[in-house]
Amino acid sequence: MAGGASYRLVDQGLLDAALVPVVYAGAMLAAAIGALIVGALHDRFGPRVVLTVPVLVAAVPPLAFAATLPAVLQVVAVALMRASSRSHR
């Protein structure tokens, strides 16, 4: 999905193609932070915490591909997607 969102941002002229690796690196950072947060919450509250991951993942496509959202919010959606998709592993 990060690739699709990046393509869309570049195609619409909202993001320079040279910044795609930077956005991807930021998304990877969000994935690492998300995994640490979910892991800490899992240790404290148990496996129920992992049930929130599908809710986060379901929220991402409307945010990442909404035509009316600014580029900043679409980049945030990509970061959220990476954080939520890696946190359950």
N, C-alpha and C. Protein backbone atom coordinates (compact mmCIF):
# COMPACT_ATOMS: atom_id res chain seq x y z
N MET A 1 0.81 -1.19 0.00
CA MET A 1 0.00 0.00 0.00
C MET A 1 0.85 1.25 0.00
N ALA A 2 1.99 1.23 0.67
CA ALA A 2 2.84 2.43 0.70
C ALA A 2 3.25 2.80 -0.72
N GLY A 3 3.49 1.80 -1.56
CA GLY A 3 3.86 2.07 -2.93
C GLY A 3 2.73 2.73 -3.71
N GLY A 4 1.51 2.24 -3.49
CA GLY A 4 0.35 2.81 -4.17
C GLY A 4 0.09 4.24 -3.73
N ALA A 5 0.21 4.49 -2.44
CA ALA A 5 0.00 5.84 -1.93
C ALA A 5 1.09 6.78 -2.43
N SER A 6 2.33 6.30 -2.45
CA SER A 6 3.43 7.13 -2.94
C SER A 6 3.23 7.46 -4.42
N TYR A 7 2.84 6.46 -5.20
CA TYR A 7 2.59 6.70 -6.63
C TYR A 7 1.51 7.76 -6.80
N ARG A 8 0.45 7.65 -6.03
CA ARG A 8 -0.65 8.59 -6.14
C ARG A 8 -0.20 10.00 -5.78
N LEU A 9 0.58 10.13 -4.73
CA LEU A 9 1.06 11.46 -4.32
C LEU A 9 1.95 12.08 -5.37
N VAL A 10 2.81 11.27 -5.99
CA VAL A 10 3.70 11.78 -7.05
C VAL A 10 2.89 12.09 -8.29
N ASP A 11 1.96 11.21 -8.65
CA ASP A 11 1.15 11.39 -9.84
C ASP A 11 0.31 12.67 -9.77
N GLN A 12 -0.17 13.01 -8.60
CA GLN A 12 -0.97 14.23 -8.43
C GLN A 12 -0.11 15.47 -8.22
N GLY A 13 1.19 15.29 -8.17
CA GLY A 13 2.09 16.43 -7.98
C GLY A 13 2.15 16.94 -6.55
N LEU A 14 1.70 16.13 -5.60
CA LEU A 14 1.73 16.53 -4.20
C LEU A 14 3.05 16.21 -3.52
N LEU A 15 3.83 15.32 -4.14
CA LEU A 15 5.10 14.89 -3.57
C LEU A 15 6.11 14.73 -4.69
N ASP A 16 7.29 15.26 -4.50
CA ASP A 16 8.35 15.09 -5.49
C ASP A 16 8.84 13.64 -5.45
N ALA A 17 9.13 13.07 -6.60
CA ALA A 17 9.57 11.67 -6.67
C ALA A 17 10.83 11.43 -5.85
N ALA A 18 11.66 12.43 -5.71
CA ALA A 18 12.89 12.27 -4.93
C ALA A 18 12.61 12.10 -3.44
N LEU A 19 11.43 12.49 -2.99
CA LEU A 19 11.08 12.37 -1.58
C LEU A 19 10.40 11.05 -1.22
N VAL A 20 10.09 10.22 -2.21
CA VAL A 20 9.44 8.95 -1.94
C VAL A 20 10.27 8.08 -0.99
N PRO A 21 11.59 7.94 -1.18
CA PRO A 21 12.36 7.14 -0.22
C PRO A 21 12.33 7.72 1.20
N VAL A 22 12.26 9.03 1.30
CA VAL A 22 12.19 9.65 2.63
C VAL A 22 10.86 9.32 3.30
N VAL A 23 9.78 9.39 2.53
CA VAL A 23 8.47 9.03 3.07
C VAL A 23 8.45 7.56 3.46
N TYR A 24 9.05 6.71 2.63
CA TYR A 24 9.10 5.28 2.94
C TYR A 24 9.91 5.02 4.20
N ALA A 25 11.03 5.72 4.35
CA ALA A 25 11.84 5.57 5.57
C ALA A 25 11.05 6.03 6.79
N GLY A 26 10.30 7.10 6.64
CA GLY A 26 9.45 7.55 7.74
C GLY A 26 8.38 6.52 8.08
N ALA A 27 7.85 5.87 7.06
CA ALA A 27 6.85 4.83 7.29
C ALA A 27 7.47 3.64 8.02
N MET A 28 8.70 3.31 7.69
CA MET A 28 9.39 2.22 8.38
C MET A 28 9.64 2.59 9.84
N LEU A 29 9.97 3.85 10.09
CA LEU A 29 10.13 4.33 11.47
C LEU A 29 8.81 4.22 12.22
N ALA A 30 7.73 4.59 11.56
CA ALA A 30 6.41 4.47 12.19
C ALA A 30 6.08 3.02 12.49
N ALA A 31 6.49 2.10 11.61
CA ALA A 31 6.26 0.67 11.85
C ALA A 31 7.01 0.20 13.09
N ALA A 32 8.25 0.65 13.22
CA ALA A 32 9.04 0.25 14.39
C ALA A 32 8.44 0.81 15.68
N ILE A 33 8.05 2.06 15.65
CA ILE A 33 7.46 2.68 16.84
C ILE A 33 6.11 2.02 17.17
N GLY A 34 5.32 1.76 16.15
CA GLY A 34 4.04 1.09 16.37
C GLY A 34 4.21 -0.29 16.98
N ALA A 35 5.20 -1.03 16.51
CA ALA A 35 5.46 -2.36 17.07
C ALA A 35 5.88 -2.27 18.53
N LEU A 36 6.71 -1.30 18.86
CA LEU A 36 7.12 -1.13 20.26
C LEU A 36 5.93 -0.76 21.15
N ILE A 37 5.08 0.12 20.66
CA ILE A 37 3.92 0.54 21.45
C ILE A 37 2.95 -0.62 21.66
N VAL A 38 2.63 -1.33 20.57
CA VAL A 38 1.71 -2.46 20.69
C VAL A 38 2.32 -3.54 21.57
N GLY A 39 3.61 -3.77 21.45
CA GLY A 39 4.28 -4.76 22.30
C GLY A 39 4.19 -4.40 23.77
N ALA A 40 4.44 -3.14 24.09
CA ALA A 40 4.36 -2.69 25.49
C ALA A 40 2.92 -2.80 26.01
N LEU A 41 1.95 -2.41 25.18
CA LEU A 41 0.55 -2.53 25.58
C LEU A 41 0.13 -3.99 25.73
N HIS A 42 0.65 -4.84 24.87
CA HIS A 42 0.36 -6.27 24.97
C HIS A 42 0.90 -6.83 26.27
N ASP A 43 2.11 -6.43 26.65
CA ASP A 43 2.69 -6.90 27.90
C ASP A 43 1.87 -6.45 29.10
N ARG A 44 1.31 -5.27 29.00
CA ARG A 44 0.57 -4.71 30.14
C ARG A 44 -0.88 -5.21 30.20
N PHE A 45 -1.56 -5.26 29.04
CA PHE A 45 -2.99 -5.57 29.04
C PHE A 45 -3.35 -6.92 28.44
N GLY A 46 -2.41 -7.61 27.86
CA GLY A 46 -2.67 -8.94 27.31
C GLY A 46 -2.98 -8.90 25.82
N PRO A 47 -3.32 -10.06 25.28
CA PRO A 47 -3.49 -10.19 23.82
C PRO A 47 -4.69 -9.45 23.25
N ARG A 48 -5.59 -8.95 24.08
CA ARG A 48 -6.74 -8.19 23.56
C ARG A 48 -6.29 -6.97 22.77
N VAL A 49 -5.12 -6.45 23.12
CA VAL A 49 -4.62 -5.24 22.46
C VAL A 49 -4.44 -5.48 20.96
N VAL A 50 -4.04 -6.67 20.60
CA VAL A 50 -3.79 -6.98 19.19
C VAL A 50 -5.08 -6.91 18.38
N LEU A 51 -6.22 -7.03 19.02
CA LEU A 51 -7.49 -6.95 18.30
C LEU A 51 -7.76 -5.55 17.76
N THR A 52 -7.04 -4.54 18.24
CA THR A 52 -7.23 -3.19 17.72
C THR A 52 -6.54 -2.99 16.37
N VAL A 53 -5.61 -3.86 16.04
CA VAL A 53 -4.85 -3.70 14.81
C VAL A 53 -5.74 -3.70 13.56
N PRO A 54 -6.70 -4.62 13.42
CA PRO A 54 -7.55 -4.57 12.22
C PRO A 54 -8.34 -3.26 12.09
N VAL A 55 -8.70 -2.66 13.21
CA VAL A 55 -9.42 -1.39 13.17
C VAL A 55 -8.51 -0.31 12.59
N LEU A 56 -7.26 -0.28 13.03
CA LEU A 56 -6.31 0.69 12.50
C LEU A 56 -6.07 0.47 11.01
N VAL A 57 -5.91 -0.79 10.63
CA VAL A 57 -5.65 -1.10 9.23
C VAL A 57 -6.85 -0.71 8.35
N ALA A 58 -8.06 -0.93 8.84
CA ALA A 58 -9.27 -0.59 8.08
C ALA A 58 -9.41 0.92 7.89
N ALA A 59 -8.84 1.70 8.78
CA ALA A 59 -8.97 3.16 8.68
C ALA A 59 -8.02 3.76 7.64
N VAL A 60 -7.03 3.01 7.23
CA VAL A 60 -5.98 3.57 6.38
C VAL A 60 -6.40 3.83 4.93
N PRO A 61 -6.99 2.89 4.19
CA PRO A 61 -7.29 3.17 2.78
C PRO A 61 -8.12 4.42 2.54
N PRO A 62 -9.17 4.67 3.32
CA PRO A 62 -9.90 5.92 3.07
C PRO A 62 -9.05 7.16 3.28
N LEU A 63 -8.14 7.09 4.24
CA LEU A 63 -7.27 8.24 4.47
C LEU A 63 -6.21 8.38 3.38
N ALA A 64 -5.59 7.27 3.02
CA ALA A 64 -4.48 7.33 2.07
C ALA A 64 -4.92 7.69 0.66
N PHE A 65 -6.14 7.31 0.29
CA PHE A 65 -6.57 7.51 -1.09
C PHE A 65 -7.71 8.51 -1.24
N ALA A 66 -8.02 9.24 -0.21
CA ALA A 66 -9.07 10.26 -0.30
C ALA A 66 -8.59 11.40 -1.18
N ALA A 67 -9.41 11.79 -2.10
CA ALA A 67 -9.02 12.83 -3.05
C ALA A 67 -8.99 14.22 -2.43
N THR A 68 -9.69 14.42 -1.34
CA THR A 68 -9.80 15.76 -0.78
C THR A 68 -8.84 16.03 0.36
N LEU A 69 -8.11 15.03 0.80
CA LEU A 69 -7.17 15.24 1.91
C LEU A 69 -5.87 15.86 1.43
N PRO A 70 -5.27 16.74 2.23
CA PRO A 70 -3.95 17.28 1.87
C PRO A 70 -2.89 16.18 1.89
N ALA A 71 -1.81 16.44 1.22
CA ALA A 71 -0.72 15.47 1.11
C ALA A 71 -0.18 15.08 2.48
N VAL A 72 -0.14 16.01 3.41
CA VAL A 72 0.39 15.71 4.74
C VAL A 72 -0.44 14.62 5.41
N LEU A 73 -1.76 14.71 5.32
CA LEU A 73 -2.60 13.69 5.93
C LEU A 73 -2.48 12.35 5.21
N GLN A 74 -2.23 12.38 3.92
CA GLN A 74 -2.04 11.13 3.19
C GLN A 74 -0.73 10.47 3.61
N VAL A 75 0.31 11.26 3.85
CA VAL A 75 1.58 10.73 4.33
C VAL A 75 1.38 10.16 5.74
N VAL A 76 0.60 10.84 6.57
CA VAL A 76 0.30 10.32 7.90
C VAL A 76 -0.45 9.00 7.79
N ALA A 77 -1.33 8.88 6.82
CA ALA A 77 -2.05 7.63 6.62
C ALA A 77 -1.11 6.50 6.25
N VAL A 78 -0.11 6.79 5.43
CA VAL A 78 0.88 5.77 5.08
C VAL A 78 1.65 5.35 6.32
N ALA A 79 2.02 6.30 7.16
CA ALA A 79 2.73 5.98 8.40
C ALA A 79 1.85 5.13 9.31
N LEU A 80 0.58 5.49 9.41
CA LEU A 80 -0.36 4.72 10.23
C LEU A 80 -0.49 3.30 9.70
N MET A 81 -0.55 3.18 8.39
CA MET A 81 -0.65 1.86 7.78
C MET A 81 0.56 1.00 8.13
N ARG A 82 1.73 1.58 8.03
CA ARG A 82 2.94 0.82 8.34
C ARG A 82 2.98 0.46 9.82
N ALA A 83 2.60 1.38 10.67
CA ALA A 83 2.62 1.10 12.11
C ALA A 83 1.63 0.00 12.46
N SER A 84 0.45 0.05 11.88
CA SER A 84 -0.57 -0.93 12.22
C SER A 84 -0.30 -2.28 11.57
N SER A 85 0.30 -2.30 10.41
CA SER A 85 0.50 -3.58 9.73
C SER A 85 1.68 -4.35 10.28
N ARG A 86 2.63 -3.69 10.90
CA ARG A 86 3.79 -4.37 11.46
C ARG A 86 3.66 -4.67 12.94
N SER A 87 2.71 -4.04 13.60
CA SER A 87 2.63 -4.17 15.05
C SER A 87 2.11 -5.53 15.51
N HIS A 88 1.47 -6.28 14.64
CA HIS A 88 0.92 -7.56 15.06
C HIS A 88 1.89 -8.71 14.90
N ARG A 89 3.08 -8.45 14.41
CA ARG A 89 4.04 -9.54 14.17
C ARG A 89 4.92 -9.78 15.35
